[in-house]
Amino acid sequence: MAIASAALAIGLVATILAVPAQERPTAAVKDVIVARKTLMNSIMDNVDKITEMISQRKIDLHAAHGHAENISAMLTAFPHLFPPSSNLWRDNADLDPVTDTIASPDVWTDFADFYRRAVAAANTASELGRADNADDLRRLFRALGVACDTCHALYLKEQ
């Protein structure tokens, strides 16, 4: 499921990027924003499943590995859903929760850092997908949470 979601999202971006920026309709750029929000929601669904296992003290390593692999695949695709044309943040605007971006313009001014952080988080999720025991799983899951929280603090806008 995650790989299919990531492939669909990347396909959408590739289609949009094939058209020169001045010819891209606003609707197509909004589609990219919807795609990245959908991908992030899918990541969070997988995170929530691991969180539930840990909080209930019922860790199923096989299931957790699957969720972690999904997270890794989606985080690998995620930064590719930020073409420059999707830098549409507006301060104090009445935002549509589905089609308007909450990504900080800092994503594009320091894209190399944003990309590096996404790759590092994907690598942590991949390592989580190979955790040998519950203690390693919890440790790596905390590390993934720190990586996600740090990226959100730097690159997510709140009004």
Protein backbone atom coordinates (compact mmCIF):
# COMPACT_ATOMS: atom_id res chain seq x y z
CA MET A 1 0.00 0.00 0.00
CA ALA A 2 2.71 2.48 0.97
CA ILE A 3 4.77 1.76 -2.11
CA ALA A 4 1.69 2.21 -4.29
CA SER A 5 0.89 5.52 -2.54
CA ALA A 6 4.46 6.73 -2.96
CA ALA A 7 4.57 5.69 -6.62
CA LEU A 8 1.27 7.42 -7.33
CA ALA A 9 2.45 10.61 -5.64
CA ILE A 10 5.76 10.63 -7.52
CA GLY A 11 3.94 9.95 -10.79
CA LEU A 12 1.70 12.92 -10.16
CA VAL A 13 4.65 15.20 -9.47
CA ALA A 14 6.53 13.95 -12.53
CA THR A 15 3.52 14.71 -14.69
CA ILE A 16 3.20 18.21 -13.25
CA LEU A 17 6.92 18.94 -13.49
CA ALA A 18 6.94 17.95 -17.16
CA VAL A 19 4.97 21.13 -17.85
CA PRO A 20 6.92 24.42 -17.64
CA ALA A 21 6.11 26.41 -14.48
CA GLN A 22 4.47 29.27 -16.33
CA GLU A 23 2.07 26.80 -17.96
CA ARG A 24 1.15 24.85 -14.82
CA PRO A 25 -2.40 25.45 -13.73
CA THR A 26 -2.94 26.30 -10.08
CA ALA A 27 -5.14 23.22 -9.79
CA ALA A 28 -2.21 20.93 -10.70
CA VAL A 29 -0.02 22.54 -8.03
CA LYS A 30 -2.84 22.12 -5.52
CA ASP A 31 -2.94 18.43 -6.51
CA VAL A 32 0.71 18.12 -5.45
CA ILE A 33 -0.14 19.71 -2.11
CA VAL A 34 -3.03 17.26 -1.66
CA ALA A 35 -0.71 14.38 -2.61
CA ARG A 36 1.90 15.31 -0.01
CA LYS A 37 -0.77 15.79 2.68
CA THR A 38 -2.23 12.39 1.78
CA LEU A 39 1.21 10.80 1.94
CA MET A 40 1.88 12.40 5.33
CA ASN A 41 -1.49 11.11 6.59
CA SER A 42 -0.49 7.61 5.46
CA ILE A 43 2.83 7.95 7.27
CA MET A 44 0.98 9.02 10.42
CA ASP A 45 -1.41 6.05 10.15
CA ASN A 46 1.59 3.71 10.20
CA VAL A 47 3.21 5.65 13.05
CA ASP A 48 -0.04 5.41 15.03
CA LYS A 49 -0.10 1.63 14.64
CA ILE A 50 3.40 1.30 16.08
CA THR A 51 2.56 3.79 18.84
CA GLU A 52 -0.45 1.68 19.80
CA MET A 53 1.67 -1.49 19.97
CA ILE A 54 4.21 0.20 22.21
CA SER A 55 1.67 1.89 24.49
CA GLN A 56 -0.31 -1.34 24.93
CA ARG A 57 2.89 -3.31 25.47
CA LYS A 58 1.82 -5.71 22.73
CA ILE A 59 4.64 -5.40 20.22
CA ASP A 60 4.32 -7.60 17.17
CA LEU A 61 7.75 -7.26 15.55
CA HIS A 62 6.57 -8.60 12.20
CA ALA A 63 3.67 -6.10 12.01
CA ALA A 64 5.87 -3.26 13.30
CA HIS A 65 8.48 -4.07 10.66
CA GLY A 66 5.83 -3.78 7.95
CA HIS A 67 4.66 -0.40 9.23
CA ALA A 68 8.25 0.84 9.49
CA GLU A 69 9.02 -0.27 5.93
CA ASN A 70 5.91 1.61 4.74
CA ILE A 71 7.07 4.72 6.59
CA SER A 72 10.55 4.43 5.09
CA ALA A 73 9.22 4.12 1.53
CA MET A 74 6.88 7.07 1.96
CA LEU A 75 9.52 9.30 3.58
CA THR A 76 11.83 8.51 0.66
CA ALA A 77 9.19 9.83 -1.75
CA PHE A 78 8.06 12.74 0.43
CA PRO A 79 10.59 15.48 -0.46
CA HIS A 80 9.88 14.90 -4.16
CA LEU A 81 6.40 16.32 -3.55
CA PHE A 82 7.78 19.82 -2.99
CA PRO A 83 8.37 21.32 -6.43
CA PRO A 84 9.19 25.04 -6.24
CA SER A 85 5.82 25.91 -7.78
CA SER A 86 4.10 24.52 -4.67
CA ASN A 87 5.64 27.18 -2.41
CA LEU A 88 2.27 28.86 -1.87
CA TRP A 89 2.36 29.76 1.85
CA ARG A 90 0.47 32.94 2.68
CA ASP A 91 0.62 34.49 6.16
CA ASN A 92 -2.72 35.18 7.82
CA ALA A 93 -4.69 33.61 4.97
CA ASP A 94 -7.92 31.67 5.33
CA LEU A 95 -6.47 28.28 4.39
CA ASP A 96 -8.31 25.40 2.82
CA PRO A 97 -7.20 22.43 4.99
CA VAL A 98 -7.09 20.14 1.96
CA THR A 99 -5.54 22.14 -0.87
CA ASP A 100 -3.52 24.91 0.79
CA THR A 101 0.01 24.34 1.96
CA ILE A 102 1.21 24.52 5.54
CA ALA A 103 4.80 24.00 4.44
CA SER A 104 7.08 26.83 5.46
CA PRO A 105 8.81 28.72 2.64
CA ASP A 106 12.00 27.59 4.41
CA VAL A 107 11.50 24.20 2.73
CA TRP A 108 12.50 25.80 -0.56
CA THR A 109 15.12 28.23 0.76
CA ASP A 110 16.97 25.36 2.45
CA PHE A 111 15.77 22.41 0.40
CA ALA A 112 19.07 20.55 0.84
CA ASP A 113 18.52 20.42 4.62
CA PHE A 114 14.86 19.45 4.21
CA TYR A 115 15.84 16.67 1.80
CA ARG A 116 18.65 15.46 4.07
CA ARG A 117 16.28 15.28 7.02
CA ALA A 118 13.68 13.30 5.03
CA VAL A 119 16.34 10.83 3.88
CA ALA A 120 17.71 10.46 7.42
CA ALA A 121 14.21 9.82 8.78
CA ALA A 122 13.58 7.27 6.00
CA ASN A 123 16.83 5.53 6.95
CA THR A 124 15.83 5.46 10.62
CA ALA A 125 12.45 3.98 9.64
CA SER A 126 14.24 1.39 7.52
CA GLU A 127 16.44 0.47 10.47
CA LEU A 128 13.28 0.30 12.62
CA GLY A 129 11.94 -2.18 10.07
CA ARG A 130 14.82 -4.49 10.96
CA ALA A 131 14.76 -4.12 14.77
CA ASP A 132 15.63 -7.46 16.37
CA ASN A 133 13.75 -6.94 19.62
CA ALA A 134 11.23 -4.73 21.42
CA ASP A 135 13.91 -2.61 23.11
CA ASP A 136 15.56 -1.76 19.77
CA LEU A 137 12.17 -1.10 18.25
CA ARG A 138 11.26 1.38 21.00
CA ARG A 139 14.68 3.09 20.77
CA LEU A 140 14.48 3.48 16.99
CA PHE A 141 10.85 4.58 17.15
CA ARG A 142 11.84 7.35 19.59
CA ALA A 143 14.63 8.38 17.22
CA LEU A 144 12.16 8.50 14.33
CA GLY A 145 9.82 10.63 16.43
CA VAL A 146 12.60 13.09 17.20
CA ALA A 147 13.49 13.31 13.51
CA CYS A 148 9.86 13.95 12.57
CA ASP A 149 9.27 16.48 15.34
CA THR A 150 12.44 18.39 14.43
CA CYS A 151 11.52 18.55 10.75
CA HIS A 152 7.99 19.69 11.60
CA ALA A 153 9.37 22.38 13.92
CA LEU A 154 11.59 23.69 11.14
CA TYR A 155 9.41 23.29 8.07
CA LEU A 156 5.75 23.30 9.09
CA LYS A 157 3.85 26.58 9.46
CA GLU A 158 1.09 27.19 11.93
CA GLN A 159 -1.08 30.26 11.96
